[in-house]
Amino acid sequence: MTFIVILLAVVGFVAYRVSSPEQREHAIEIAIARLRQLMIAVIEPGPEHDAFCDALRARTLHLVVTPAIIFISAELFIGMRSGTAAMSDPATLVGWGASLGTLTTNGGWWRLVTSTFVHISAMHLVVGVAALIQVGRILERVVGRLTVVAVYLSAGVFTGLVNLSSHPLAVTVGSSGAVFGLYGLLIALLIWQTFHEWRGTWHTQADADTTVSEAKVGAERHVLDTLQLQLDRPQLDTWSPTGVGPADHLRQNYGGPPKRHVKAEDGLPPLDASWGLVDETPAPAVETWSPPVVRPSAETWDPAAGASSPAIVQLGPAAKTWDPALAGPATTVPLVAMKRIGAGAAVFLVYSMLGGFAGAAEFTGLLVGLMYGLVLARRAGEQEPTRRQIGFVTAVAGVVVVACAITLRNIADVKPEIARVLAIEERTTAAYRSGTEAFRKGRLSAEALAQLAERTIVPELQAADARLKALSNVPPEHQPVVADAREYLRLRSASWRAHAEALRRAGGVPERAADGATDGSWRLQAEARFRSNLAAMGTVEGTERASLEAFQRVRLP
């Protein structure tokens, strides 16, 4: 976040320095004009946006998922506000369902879901709810309620997993990541809409052209079949003053067999059965088939039109032509609605960046929503995804979540062990102090005091070191603390052993020999023992000082 702000500041400063005053003034004018257009689109959307809203309500009259998410988030926020602790207190957030690595990965995986409804402040709640209302009312009516639920929860869960991986000791929430996921779903919906507007219009026109061509071919075939039936009568041709009848042209052009022609004088009327040239035996009825969808034109002979050629009379409706309005109805997001959504998304993004909710975890939620949309929103403008499709995509996302959770499970919570180490230091120090008082009063011997250090205090320190050594998946933030604690336990054990050794050496002055050894010999032995005691005490002081310095570093950040 800080890097992005610095980068924007540097880019702005460089752009200001390299541009002339006229260029800066022109850029400001353009920005103001764009801002005015955006404000007009937000404040006065116009009839196109009203028609879009009516189309949304026609698809789904009442919203269910979006109000439910808002209600749950508001209830949790009111509950946190009603408590005595501050909302910014990590314990409060954890108590109301926020995610913490050491709790979530040790049996509290449900926190990945509950954290998607937790907000850390009133402003966080207001901005998140405003963005949710803007995109939720569109998505719930276009892609369906189940899709919105799946994307919101999946994006929030993946946001929590990324937070667990990068900040295992931080208290995190996934509500912003869930809203980012809905924005990703909306982006995918707009991508599919743009794709269909580019490709779908051409596809529909091609289908319509193909239908018209097939209708023309069917009509032409129907005409040929009708003429063939007329030409297959007894071997009499229609009369033509030139000796070539129109049937010859049809037979030559369309593969019919040629027939001989009967010439007659000018003014000869058309052939009729009364001439005696046509078989008066009634011909059997001939069944003909016509296309059921398209009724093509049929050729009939009209005497009033002349005897030289038959007239074409079209029966039935005209052939089908392409009409864009006849294409399947689809709910598309108009440009004015996109501008309104873009303004709200800009506000949400700026707040998220300033509040620290626009990191890798939140953009992972955006990517999750985008992937859901690319799979499920392909035909969302025409129909909602089926439950089987939503279930399949959600199952795939669940498998990925489980795989990630396996790698993150059992993050070590070192706080109890560190607290135990601190308690051991206080308890053992108090026990040795009590034994020292008894030793000074003569109620406890030096050997008993040495055994207290070696057989009681040192084993307890070694047990604490073994527990620290057995910890696995220690977060990087706590690894230095664990190393300092183990170093303290090692030095402290050495210190108590030095105490015990010093106590055994300081058992008193050497006794005089019974055979009458000289005072000089006795004195030398006493001085040697005194120097040995001093060296032992020096060792005790050195190891104890080093152990206490290590003890001061054993503090959790």
Protein backbone atom coordinates (compact mmCIF):
# COMPACT_ATOMS: atom_id res chain seq x y z
CA MET A 1 0.00 0.00 0.00
CA THR A 2 2.72 2.47 0.95
CA PHE A 3 4.65 1.55 -2.19
CA ILE A 4 1.62 2.28 -4.39
CA VAL A 5 1.07 5.69 -2.78
CA ILE A 6 4.73 6.60 -3.18
CA LEU A 7 4.71 5.40 -6.79
CA LEU A 8 1.64 7.50 -7.61
CA ALA A 9 3.21 10.52 -5.95
CA VAL A 10 6.43 10.10 -7.93
CA VAL A 11 4.56 9.67 -11.21
CA GLY A 12 2.46 12.73 -10.51
CA PHE A 13 5.48 14.82 -9.63
CA VAL A 14 7.36 13.74 -12.76
CA ALA A 15 4.31 14.43 -14.95
CA TYR A 16 4.00 17.88 -13.39
CA ARG A 17 7.65 18.73 -13.97
CA VAL A 18 7.90 17.57 -17.58
CA SER A 19 4.64 19.20 -18.75
CA SER A 20 4.15 22.82 -19.71
CA PRO A 21 1.58 25.09 -18.05
CA GLU A 22 -0.65 24.86 -21.14
CA GLN A 23 -0.51 21.06 -21.08
CA ARG A 24 -1.31 20.97 -17.38
CA GLU A 25 -4.24 23.34 -17.90
CA HIS A 26 -5.53 21.22 -20.79
CA ALA A 27 -5.21 18.03 -18.74
CA ILE A 28 -7.11 19.63 -15.86
CA GLU A 29 -9.90 20.70 -18.21
CA ILE A 30 -10.19 17.17 -19.58
CA ALA A 31 -10.28 15.70 -16.08
CA ILE A 32 -12.99 18.16 -15.02
CA ALA A 33 -15.07 17.35 -18.10
CA ARG A 34 -14.75 13.61 -17.46
CA LEU A 35 -15.66 14.14 -13.83
CA ARG A 36 -18.76 16.09 -14.80
CA GLN A 37 -19.82 13.36 -17.20
CA LEU A 38 -19.34 10.80 -14.47
CA MET A 39 -21.35 12.87 -11.98
CA ILE A 40 -24.16 13.22 -14.50
CA ALA A 41 -24.14 9.48 -15.09
CA VAL A 42 -24.28 8.85 -11.33
CA ILE A 43 -26.87 11.48 -10.42
CA GLU A 44 -29.05 11.40 -13.54
CA PRO A 45 -28.77 7.93 -15.11
CA GLY A 46 -31.57 8.47 -17.62
CA PRO A 47 -34.19 6.19 -19.20
CA GLU A 48 -31.65 3.61 -20.37
CA HIS A 49 -30.66 2.89 -16.78
CA ASP A 50 -34.32 2.81 -15.73
CA ALA A 51 -35.04 0.25 -18.44
CA PHE A 52 -32.09 -1.81 -17.22
CA CYS A 53 -33.42 -1.75 -13.66
CA ASP A 54 -36.85 -2.79 -14.91
CA ALA A 55 -35.25 -5.69 -16.78
CA LEU A 56 -33.45 -6.77 -13.60
CA ARG A 57 -36.65 -6.68 -11.58
CA ALA A 58 -38.39 -8.64 -14.30
CA ARG A 59 -35.83 -11.43 -13.90
CA THR A 60 -35.82 -11.48 -10.08
CA LEU A 61 -38.30 -9.34 -8.22
CA HIS A 62 -36.96 -9.64 -4.67
CA LEU A 63 -33.37 -9.81 -3.43
CA VAL A 64 -32.53 -12.40 -0.78
CA VAL A 65 -28.78 -13.01 -0.59
CA THR A 66 -27.59 -9.40 -0.56
CA PRO A 67 -29.91 -8.31 2.30
CA ALA A 68 -28.99 -11.46 4.22
CA ILE A 69 -25.26 -10.69 4.00
CA ILE A 70 -25.88 -7.09 5.08
CA PHE A 71 -28.06 -8.24 7.99
CA ILE A 72 -25.47 -10.71 9.30
CA SER A 73 -22.66 -8.15 9.02
CA ALA A 74 -24.71 -5.48 10.80
CA GLU A 75 -25.68 -7.86 13.61
CA LEU A 76 -22.06 -8.80 14.25
CA PHE A 77 -21.04 -5.14 14.21
CA ILE A 78 -23.75 -4.19 16.70
CA GLY A 79 -22.66 -7.04 18.94
CA MET A 80 -19.05 -5.87 18.91
CA ARG A 81 -20.10 -2.28 19.60
CA SER A 82 -22.21 -3.34 22.56
CA GLY A 83 -19.22 -4.88 24.34
CA THR A 84 -16.96 -3.11 26.80
CA ALA A 85 -13.73 -3.63 24.87
CA ALA A 86 -12.70 -1.47 21.94
CA MET A 87 -13.51 -2.73 18.45
CA SER A 88 -9.87 -2.35 17.46
CA ASP A 89 -8.85 -4.76 20.20
CA PRO A 90 -7.70 -8.03 18.58
CA ALA A 91 -9.36 -10.03 21.35
CA THR A 92 -12.72 -8.47 20.46
CA LEU A 93 -12.35 -9.28 16.79
CA VAL A 94 -11.25 -12.85 17.53
CA GLY A 95 -14.13 -13.29 19.93
CA TRP A 96 -16.61 -12.36 17.20
CA GLY A 97 -15.20 -14.66 14.54
CA ALA A 98 -12.11 -13.00 13.06
CA SER A 99 -9.28 -15.24 11.89
CA LEU A 100 -6.03 -15.82 13.78
CA GLY A 101 -3.51 -18.31 12.46
CA THR A 102 -2.80 -20.09 15.73
CA LEU A 103 -6.53 -20.60 16.34
CA THR A 104 -7.83 -21.11 12.82
CA THR A 105 -5.30 -23.77 11.83
CA ASN A 106 -5.71 -25.72 15.06
CA GLY A 107 -9.34 -26.73 14.72
CA GLY A 108 -10.92 -23.32 14.09
CA TRP A 109 -11.32 -23.47 10.30
CA TRP A 110 -14.85 -22.14 10.64
CA ARG A 111 -13.25 -18.73 11.22
CA LEU A 112 -12.47 -18.53 7.50
CA VAL A 113 -16.23 -18.28 6.91
CA THR A 114 -17.21 -16.10 9.87
CA SER A 115 -14.43 -13.61 9.16
CA THR A 116 -16.13 -12.72 5.85
CA PHE A 117 -18.88 -10.98 7.85
CA VAL A 118 -16.68 -9.16 10.39
CA HIS A 119 -15.79 -5.47 9.98
CA ILE A 120 -13.23 -3.63 12.08
CA SER A 121 -14.84 -0.18 12.08
CA ALA A 122 -18.02 1.68 11.22
CA MET A 123 -16.49 3.17 8.08
CA HIS A 124 -15.33 -0.27 6.99
CA LEU A 125 -18.90 -1.53 7.35
CA VAL A 126 -20.49 1.44 5.54
CA VAL A 127 -18.15 1.29 2.53
CA GLY A 128 -18.41 -2.48 2.27
CA VAL A 129 -22.21 -2.47 2.49
CA ALA A 130 -22.48 0.32 -0.12
CA ALA A 131 -20.32 -1.64 -2.56
CA LEU A 132 -22.23 -4.82 -1.80
CA ILE A 133 -25.57 -3.18 -2.52
CA GLN A 134 -24.34 -1.76 -5.81
CA VAL A 135 -22.95 -4.99 -7.25
CA GLY A 136 -25.10 -7.46 -5.36
CA ARG A 137 -28.43 -6.22 -6.68
CA ILE A 138 -27.16 -6.69 -10.25
CA LEU A 139 -25.36 -10.00 -9.82
CA GLU A 140 -28.10 -11.66 -7.82
CA ARG A 141 -30.60 -10.97 -10.59
CA VAL A 142 -28.30 -11.82 -13.49
CA VAL A 143 -26.18 -14.78 -12.35
CA GLY A 144 -28.49 -16.02 -9.61
CA ARG A 145 -28.52 -16.24 -5.84
CA LEU A 146 -26.52 -19.44 -5.52
CA THR A 147 -23.71 -18.01 -7.63
CA VAL A 148 -23.50 -14.90 -5.46
CA VAL A 149 -23.37 -17.00 -2.29
CA ALA A 150 -20.68 -19.27 -3.72
CA VAL A 151 -18.51 -16.39 -4.93
CA TYR A 152 -18.86 -14.32 -1.74
CA LEU A 153 -17.92 -17.18 0.57
CA SER A 154 -15.22 -18.63 -1.71
CA ALA A 155 -13.53 -15.26 -2.19
CA GLY A 156 -13.64 -14.60 1.56
CA VAL A 157 -12.20 -18.04 2.38
CA PHE A 158 -9.36 -17.68 -0.12
CA THR A 159 -8.63 -14.21 1.29
CA GLY A 160 -8.36 -15.76 4.74
CA LEU A 161 -6.02 -18.49 3.49
CA VAL A 162 -3.66 -15.95 1.94
CA ASN A 163 -3.70 -13.96 5.19
CA LEU A 164 -2.89 -17.12 7.14
CA SER A 165 0.06 -17.80 4.86
CA SER A 166 1.50 -14.28 4.89
CA HIS A 167 0.44 -13.05 8.36
CA PRO A 168 -0.23 -16.09 10.56
CA LEU A 169 -0.11 -14.09 13.80
CA ALA A 170 -2.30 -11.20 12.66
CA VAL A 171 -6.01 -10.92 13.36
CA THR A 172 -7.61 -10.63 9.91
CA VAL A 173 -11.08 -10.36 8.37
CA GLY A 174 -12.22 -11.41 4.91
CA SER A 175 -15.18 -9.10 4.25
CA SER A 176 -13.25 -6.83 1.87
CA GLY A 177 -11.88 -9.82 -0.02
CA ALA A 178 -15.42 -11.19 -0.41
CA VAL A 179 -16.61 -7.90 -1.96
CA PHE A 180 -13.56 -7.92 -4.23
CA GLY A 181 -14.70 -11.37 -5.33
CA LEU A 182 -18.10 -9.98 -6.35
CA TYR A 183 -16.35 -7.29 -8.36
CA GLY A 184 -14.35 -10.02 -10.07
CA LEU A 185 -17.57 -11.83 -10.93
CA LEU A 186 -18.98 -8.61 -12.38
CA ILE A 187 -15.85 -8.06 -14.47
CA ALA A 188 -16.22 -11.58 -15.91
CA LEU A 189 -19.87 -10.87 -16.68
CA LEU A 190 -18.92 -7.71 -18.57
CA ILE A 191 -16.21 -9.60 -20.44
CA TRP A 192 -18.72 -12.19 -21.63
CA GLN A 193 -21.20 -9.46 -22.50
CA THR A 194 -18.63 -7.66 -24.65
CA PHE A 195 -17.68 -10.94 -26.31
CA HIS A 196 -21.28 -11.78 -27.17
CA GLU A 197 -21.98 -8.30 -28.47
CA TRP A 198 -19.00 -8.62 -30.79
CA ARG A 199 -19.53 -12.21 -31.87
CA GLY A 200 -23.19 -12.86 -31.16
CA THR A 201 -24.54 -10.26 -33.63
CA TRP A 202 -22.52 -11.74 -36.49
CA HIS A 203 -23.59 -15.24 -35.50
CA THR A 204 -27.27 -14.32 -35.47
CA GLN A 205 -27.02 -12.55 -38.85
CA ALA A 206 -25.29 -15.57 -40.36
CA ASP A 207 -27.99 -17.87 -39.01
CA ALA A 208 -30.68 -15.61 -40.44
CA ASP A 209 -28.98 -15.47 -43.85
CA THR A 210 -28.72 -19.25 -43.85
CA THR A 211 -32.42 -19.55 -43.05
CA VAL A 212 -33.34 -17.18 -45.88
CA SER A 213 -31.12 -19.09 -48.34
CA GLU A 214 -32.69 -22.39 -47.34
CA ALA A 215 -36.14 -20.86 -47.78
CA LYS A 216 -35.25 -19.67 -51.27
CA VAL A 217 -33.90 -23.08 -52.23
CA GLY A 218 -37.05 -24.75 -50.90
CA ALA A 219 -39.28 -22.36 -52.80
CA GLU A 220 -37.34 -22.91 -56.03
CA ARG A 221 -37.52 -26.68 -55.59
CA HIS A 222 -41.24 -26.46 -54.99
CA VAL A 223 -41.70 -24.50 -58.22
CA LEU A 224 -39.69 -27.07 -60.17
CA ASP A 225 -41.73 -29.92 -58.73
CA THR A 226 -44.95 -28.18 -59.69
CA LEU A 227 -43.76 -27.53 -63.24
CA GLN A 228 -42.54 -31.10 -63.56
CA LEU A 229 -45.99 -32.36 -62.68
CA GLN A 230 -47.48 -30.15 -65.38
CA LEU A 231 -44.91 -31.27 -67.98
CA ASP A 232 -45.43 -34.95 -67.26
CA ARG A 233 -48.94 -34.89 -68.81
CA PRO A 234 -49.68 -36.79 -72.10
CA GLN A 235 -47.40 -35.94 -75.02
CA LEU A 236 -48.93 -32.59 -75.84
CA ASP A 237 -47.04 -29.36 -75.59
CA THR A 238 -48.25 -25.89 -75.03
CA TRP A 239 -48.68 -23.83 -78.08
CA SER A 240 -46.01 -21.33 -79.12
CA PRO A 241 -46.11 -19.20 -82.22
CA THR A 242 -42.31 -19.47 -82.57
CA GLY A 243 -42.29 -23.21 -82.35
CA VAL A 244 -40.45 -23.26 -79.06
CA GLY A 245 -42.51 -23.38 -75.92
CA PRO A 246 -41.52 -22.24 -72.48
CA ALA A 247 -41.37 -25.86 -71.40
CA ASP A 248 -38.26 -26.37 -73.51
CA HIS A 249 -36.41 -23.68 -71.66
CA LEU A 250 -37.38 -25.21 -68.36
CA ARG A 251 -36.41 -28.70 -69.49
CA GLN A 252 -33.13 -27.58 -70.94
CA ASN A 253 -32.23 -25.45 -67.91
CA TYR A 254 -33.29 -27.97 -65.29
CA GLY A 255 -32.54 -31.31 -66.94
CA GLY A 256 -36.03 -32.27 -68.09
CA PRO A 257 -36.42 -34.49 -71.24
CA PRO A 258 -37.22 -32.56 -74.47
CA LYS A 259 -40.63 -32.96 -76.03
CA ARG A 260 -41.85 -32.45 -79.55
CA HIS A 261 -43.75 -29.24 -80.34
CA VAL A 262 -47.09 -28.83 -82.05
CA LYS A 263 -47.27 -25.84 -84.39
CA ALA A 264 -50.52 -24.12 -85.05
CA GLU A 265 -51.84 -21.19 -86.87
CA ASP A 266 -51.82 -17.73 -85.29
CA GLY A 267 -54.76 -17.27 -83.01
CA LEU A 268 -55.09 -20.95 -82.15
CA PRO A 269 -56.62 -21.13 -78.71
CA PRO A 270 -55.04 -23.16 -75.95
CA LEU A 271 -55.40 -26.89 -76.12
CA ASP A 272 -58.42 -28.25 -74.39
CA ALA A 273 -59.96 -31.63 -73.81
CA SER A 274 -62.79 -30.70 -76.23
CA TRP A 275 -60.31 -30.99 -79.13
CA GLY A 276 -60.15 -34.68 -78.47
CA LEU A 277 -56.38 -34.62 -78.09
CA VAL A 278 -56.28 -35.16 -74.37
CA ASP A 279 -57.12 -38.39 -72.67
CA GLU A 280 -60.45 -37.85 -70.96
CA THR A 281 -59.79 -40.64 -68.48
CA PRO A 282 -59.44 -38.95 -65.15
CA ALA A 283 -55.85 -39.18 -63.94
CA PRO A 284 -55.23 -40.48 -60.48
CA ALA A 285 -54.64 -37.93 -57.79
CA VAL A 286 -51.01 -37.13 -57.21
CA GLU A 287 -49.83 -36.43 -53.71
CA THR A 288 -47.37 -33.59 -53.44
CA TRP A 289 -45.35 -32.47 -50.44
CA SER A 290 -44.70 -28.90 -49.50
CA PRO A 291 -42.28 -27.66 -46.83
CA PRO A 292 -44.06 -27.27 -43.48
CA VAL A 293 -42.30 -24.11 -42.37
CA VAL A 294 -41.86 -22.02 -45.48
CA ARG A 295 -44.67 -21.85 -47.99
CA PRO A 296 -42.95 -21.03 -51.26
CA SER A 297 -44.54 -19.45 -54.27
CA ALA A 298 -46.17 -21.80 -56.81
CA GLU A 299 -46.46 -21.31 -60.51
CA THR A 300 -49.94 -21.43 -61.98
CA TRP A 301 -51.19 -20.70 -65.44
CA ASP A 302 -53.48 -17.76 -65.82
CA PRO A 303 -55.26 -17.47 -69.21
CA ALA A 304 -55.78 -13.77 -68.72
CA ALA A 305 -52.05 -13.24 -68.50
CA GLY A 306 -51.45 -14.53 -72.03
CA ALA A 307 -50.80 -17.86 -73.67
CA SER A 308 -47.12 -17.40 -74.31
CA SER A 309 -45.91 -18.03 -70.75
CA PRO A 310 -47.42 -18.97 -67.43
CA ALA A 311 -47.80 -16.32 -64.76
CA ILE A 312 -46.21 -16.69 -61.34
CA VAL A 313 -48.60 -16.15 -58.49
CA GLN A 314 -47.11 -16.25 -54.97
CA LEU A 315 -49.16 -18.07 -52.42
CA GLY A 316 -48.74 -17.72 -48.69
CA PRO A 317 -46.46 -15.40 -46.65
CA ALA A 318 -43.10 -14.15 -47.83
CA ALA A 319 -39.86 -15.86 -46.87
CA LYS A 320 -38.36 -15.26 -43.41
CA THR A 321 -35.85 -12.44 -43.09
CA TRP A 322 -33.43 -11.62 -40.24
CA ASP A 323 -34.61 -9.27 -37.54
CA PRO A 324 -32.37 -8.41 -34.55
CA ALA A 325 -35.44 -8.01 -32.39
CA LEU A 326 -36.29 -11.67 -32.89
CA ALA A 327 -33.03 -12.81 -31.24
CA GLY A 328 -33.28 -14.29 -27.76
CA PRO A 329 -33.82 -11.72 -24.98
CA ALA A 330 -30.72 -11.01 -22.91
CA THR A 331 -30.09 -8.75 -19.92
CA THR A 332 -27.03 -6.62 -20.65
CA VAL A 333 -25.41 -3.95 -18.49
CA PRO A 334 -25.64 -0.59 -20.28
CA LEU A 335 -22.82 1.91 -20.39
CA VAL A 336 -24.49 4.30 -17.98
CA ALA A 337 -24.77 1.52 -15.40
CA MET A 338 -21.09 0.67 -15.92
CA LYS A 339 -20.18 4.29 -15.15
CA ARG A 340 -22.14 4.21 -11.91
CA ILE A 341 -20.54 0.92 -10.94
CA GLY A 342 -17.10 2.30 -11.81
CA ALA A 343 -17.61 5.32 -9.55
CA GLY A 344 -18.62 3.12 -6.63
CA ALA A 345 -15.77 0.70 -7.28
CA ALA A 346 -13.28 3.59 -7.31
CA VAL A 347 -14.45 4.77 -3.89
CA PHE A 348 -14.28 1.23 -2.52
CA LEU A 349 -10.79 0.69 -3.95
CA VAL A 350 -9.42 3.98 -2.60
CA TYR A 351 -10.77 3.28 0.88
CA SER A 352 -9.43 -0.26 0.79
CA MET A 353 -5.99 0.98 -0.20
CA LEU A 354 -5.94 3.61 2.54
CA GLY A 355 -7.27 1.16 5.13
CA GLY A 356 -4.87 -1.63 4.27
CA PHE A 357 -7.51 -3.88 2.68
CA ALA A 358 -6.11 -3.96 -0.85
CA GLY A 359 -3.25 -6.40 -0.54
CA ALA A 360 -2.45 -9.75 -2.06
CA ALA A 361 -5.21 -11.46 -0.06
CA GLU A 362 -7.96 -9.17 -1.36
CA PHE A 363 -6.78 -9.37 -4.96
CA THR A 364 -6.80 -13.14 -4.58
CA GLY A 365 -10.50 -12.81 -3.79
CA LEU A 366 -10.89 -10.70 -6.94
CA LEU A 367 -9.21 -13.44 -8.96
CA VAL A 368 -11.48 -16.10 -7.44
CA GLY A 369 -14.58 -14.14 -8.45
CA LEU A 370 -13.16 -13.64 -11.94
CA MET A 371 -12.57 -17.38 -12.35
CA TYR A 372 -16.10 -18.16 -11.17
CA GLY A 373 -17.50 -15.65 -13.65
CA LEU A 374 -15.53 -16.91 -16.61
CA VAL A 375 -16.97 -20.38 -16.02
CA LEU A 376 -20.53 -19.59 -14.90
CA ALA A 377 -21.42 -16.23 -16.47
CA ARG A 378 -21.03 -17.23 -20.10
CA ARG A 379 -24.79 -17.23 -20.76
CA ALA A 380 -25.85 -15.35 -17.64
CA GLY A 381 -27.45 -12.59 -19.69
CA GLU A 382 -29.92 -15.12 -21.09
CA GLN A 383 -30.26 -17.63 -18.24
CA GLU A 384 -28.79 -18.29 -14.81
CA PRO A 385 -26.17 -21.01 -14.35
CA THR A 386 -27.58 -24.37 -13.39
CA ARG A 387 -27.14 -25.81 -9.93
CA ARG A 388 -24.97 -28.56 -11.33
CA GLN A 389 -22.56 -26.03 -12.83
CA ILE A 390 -22.43 -24.01 -9.62
CA GLY A 391 -21.90 -27.15 -7.56
CA PHE A 392 -19.10 -28.36 -9.81
CA VAL A 393 -17.19 -25.08 -9.68
CA THR A 394 -17.70 -24.78 -5.93
CA ALA A 395 -16.47 -28.35 -5.45
CA VAL A 396 -13.30 -27.56 -7.39
CA ALA A 397 -12.77 -24.47 -5.24
CA GLY A 398 -13.34 -26.58 -2.12
CA VAL A 399 -10.66 -29.06 -3.19
CA VAL A 400 -8.19 -26.20 -3.63
CA VAL A 401 -9.14 -24.83 -0.19
CA VAL A 402 -8.56 -28.21 1.46
CA ALA A 403 -5.19 -28.59 -0.27
CA CYS A 404 -4.08 -25.16 0.93
CA ALA A 405 -5.40 -25.82 4.44
CA ILE A 406 -3.35 -29.03 4.71
CA THR A 407 -0.14 -27.09 4.10
CA LEU A 408 -1.11 -24.45 6.69
CA ARG A 409 -2.46 -26.69 9.45
CA ASN A 410 -1.22 -26.66 13.07
CA ILE A 411 0.55 -23.31 13.16
CA ALA A 412 2.34 -23.39 16.50
CA ASP A 413 1.11 -21.14 19.28
CA VAL A 414 4.24 -20.41 21.29
CA LYS A 415 2.60 -18.05 23.75
CA PRO A 416 1.67 -20.74 26.30
CA GLU A 417 5.18 -22.21 26.27
CA ILE A 418 6.83 -18.80 26.57
CA ALA A 419 4.51 -17.96 29.46
CA ARG A 420 5.48 -21.27 31.09
CA VAL A 421 9.18 -20.43 30.75
CA LEU A 422 8.64 -17.08 32.42
CA ALA A 423 6.71 -18.76 35.22
CA ILE A 424 9.48 -21.36 35.70
CA GLU A 425 12.04 -18.60 36.26
CA GLU A 426 9.93 -16.97 38.94
CA ARG A 427 9.09 -20.26 40.67
CA THR A 428 12.63 -21.70 40.70
CA THR A 429 14.16 -18.45 41.86
CA ALA A 430 11.70 -18.29 44.76
CA ALA A 431 12.42 -21.93 45.71
CA TYR A 432 16.20 -21.45 45.73
CA ARG A 433 15.88 -18.25 47.74
CA SER A 434 13.88 -20.10 50.36
CA GLY A 435 16.51 -22.88 50.49
CA THR A 436 19.30 -20.30 50.88
CA GLU A 437 17.55 -18.78 53.89
CA ALA A 438 17.26 -22.23 55.45
CA PHE A 439 20.95 -22.87 54.73
CA ARG A 440 21.99 -19.66 56.46
CA LYS A 441 19.97 -20.51 59.50
CA GLY A 442 21.52 -23.96 59.65
CA ARG A 443 18.34 -25.86 58.91
CA LEU A 444 19.63 -27.04 55.50
CA SER A 445 23.04 -28.36 54.59
CA ALA A 446 25.08 -27.22 51.61
CA GLU A 447 24.68 -30.63 49.95
CA ALA A 448 20.89 -30.46 50.32
CA LEU A 449 20.88 -27.01 48.78
CA ALA A 450 23.06 -28.24 45.89
CA GLN A 451 20.71 -31.17 45.31
CA LEU A 452 17.77 -28.71 45.20
CA ALA A 453 19.47 -26.94 42.31
CA GLU A 454 20.60 -30.07 40.44
CA ARG A 455 17.69 -32.46 40.97
CA THR A 456 14.71 -30.11 41.12
CA ILE A 457 15.40 -26.90 39.26
CA VAL A 458 17.62 -28.15 36.40
CA PRO A 459 15.24 -31.01 35.33
CA GLU A 460 12.33 -28.56 35.17
CA LEU A 461 14.33 -26.27 32.91
CA GLN A 462 15.30 -29.19 30.69
CA ALA A 463 11.66 -30.27 30.34
CA ALA A 464 10.69 -26.76 29.22
CA ASP A 465 13.51 -26.80 26.65
CA ALA A 466 12.28 -30.16 25.31
CA ARG A 467 8.77 -28.78 24.83
CA LEU A 468 10.12 -25.79 22.88
CA LYS A 469 12.23 -28.08 20.74
CA ALA A 470 9.18 -30.19 19.89
CA LEU A 471 7.26 -27.21 18.46
CA SER A 472 6.67 -27.37 14.69
CA ASN A 473 5.36 -24.83 12.17
CA VAL A 474 6.55 -21.95 14.30
CA PRO A 475 5.64 -18.65 12.61
CA PRO A 476 8.61 -16.62 11.38
CA GLU A 477 7.71 -13.81 13.78
CA HIS A 478 8.07 -16.13 16.78
CA GLN A 479 11.15 -18.06 15.76
CA PRO A 480 13.58 -15.51 17.29
CA VAL A 481 11.63 -15.60 20.57
CA VAL A 482 11.78 -19.39 20.69
CA ALA A 483 15.52 -19.31 19.98
CA ASP A 484 16.08 -16.80 22.80
CA ALA A 485 14.00 -18.90 25.19
CA ARG A 486 16.02 -22.03 24.46
CA GLU A 487 19.26 -20.11 24.88
CA TYR A 488 18.03 -18.82 28.23
CA LEU A 489 17.10 -22.32 29.40
CA ARG A 490 20.52 -23.65 28.41
CA LEU A 491 22.40 -20.88 30.20
CA ARG A 492 20.15 -21.04 33.24
CA SER A 493 20.69 -24.78 33.61
CA ALA A 494 24.43 -24.21 33.45
CA SER A 495 24.07 -21.48 36.06
CA TRP A 496 22.26 -23.76 38.52
CA ARG A 497 24.85 -26.50 38.05
CA ALA A 498 27.56 -23.96 38.84
CA HIS A 499 25.67 -23.02 41.98
CA ALA A 500 25.56 -26.61 43.12
CA GLU A 501 29.28 -27.11 42.41
CA ALA A 502 30.15 -23.96 44.28
CA LEU A 503 28.11 -25.09 47.28
CA ARG A 504 29.91 -28.41 47.45
CA ARG A 505 33.33 -26.73 47.29
CA ALA A 506 32.42 -24.21 49.95
CA GLY A 507 31.84 -26.89 52.58
CA GLY A 508 34.15 -25.06 55.02
CA VAL A 509 37.88 -24.69 55.87
CA PRO A 510 40.12 -27.78 55.77
CA GLU A 511 40.70 -29.50 59.11
CA ARG A 512 44.19 -29.69 60.69
CA ALA A 513 45.99 -32.97 60.26
CA ALA A 514 46.08 -35.25 63.33
CA ASP A 515 49.79 -36.00 62.96
CA GLY A 516 50.66 -32.42 63.79
CA ALA A 517 51.15 -30.86 60.40
CA THR A 518 52.55 -27.39 60.45
CA ASP A 519 50.34 -24.35 60.30
CA GLY A 520 51.92 -23.38 57.00
CA SER A 521 50.62 -26.48 55.25
CA TRP A 522 47.15 -25.97 56.64
CA ARG A 523 47.17 -22.34 55.59
CA LEU A 524 48.13 -23.23 52.02
CA GLN A 525 45.25 -25.68 51.77
CA ALA A 526 42.81 -23.13 53.09
CA GLU A 527 44.01 -20.49 50.60
CA ALA A 528 43.72 -22.96 47.69
CA ARG A 529 40.19 -23.84 48.67
CA PHE A 530 39.32 -20.17 49.00
CA ARG A 531 40.66 -19.41 45.52
CA SER A 532 38.71 -22.40 44.16
CA ASN A 533 35.56 -21.10 45.77
CA LEU A 534 36.17 -17.68 44.28
CA ALA A 535 36.60 -19.19 40.81
CA ALA A 536 33.42 -21.21 41.23
CA MET A 537 31.54 -18.16 42.39
CA GLY A 538 32.88 -16.23 39.42
CA THR A 539 31.63 -18.95 37.12
CA VAL A 540 28.27 -18.84 38.86
CA GLU A 541 28.02 -15.08 38.46
CA GLY A 542 29.04 -15.18 34.78
CA THR A 543 26.58 -17.88 33.77
CA GLU A 544 23.81 -16.33 35.80
CA ARG A 545 24.36 -12.91 34.23
CA ALA A 546 24.31 -14.39 30.73
CA SER A 547 21.15 -16.37 31.44
CA LEU A 548 19.35 -13.33 32.83
CA GLU A 549 20.31 -11.27 29.77
CA ALA A 550 18.81 -13.98 27.58
CA PHE A 551 15.76 -14.01 29.83
CA GLN A 552 15.18 -10.30 29.14
CA ARG A 553 14.93 -11.07 25.43
CA VAL A 554 12.25 -13.69 25.96
CA ARG A 555 9.32 -11.37 25.30
CA LEU A 556 6.67 -11.77 22.65
CA PRO A 557 6.33 -8.85 20.20
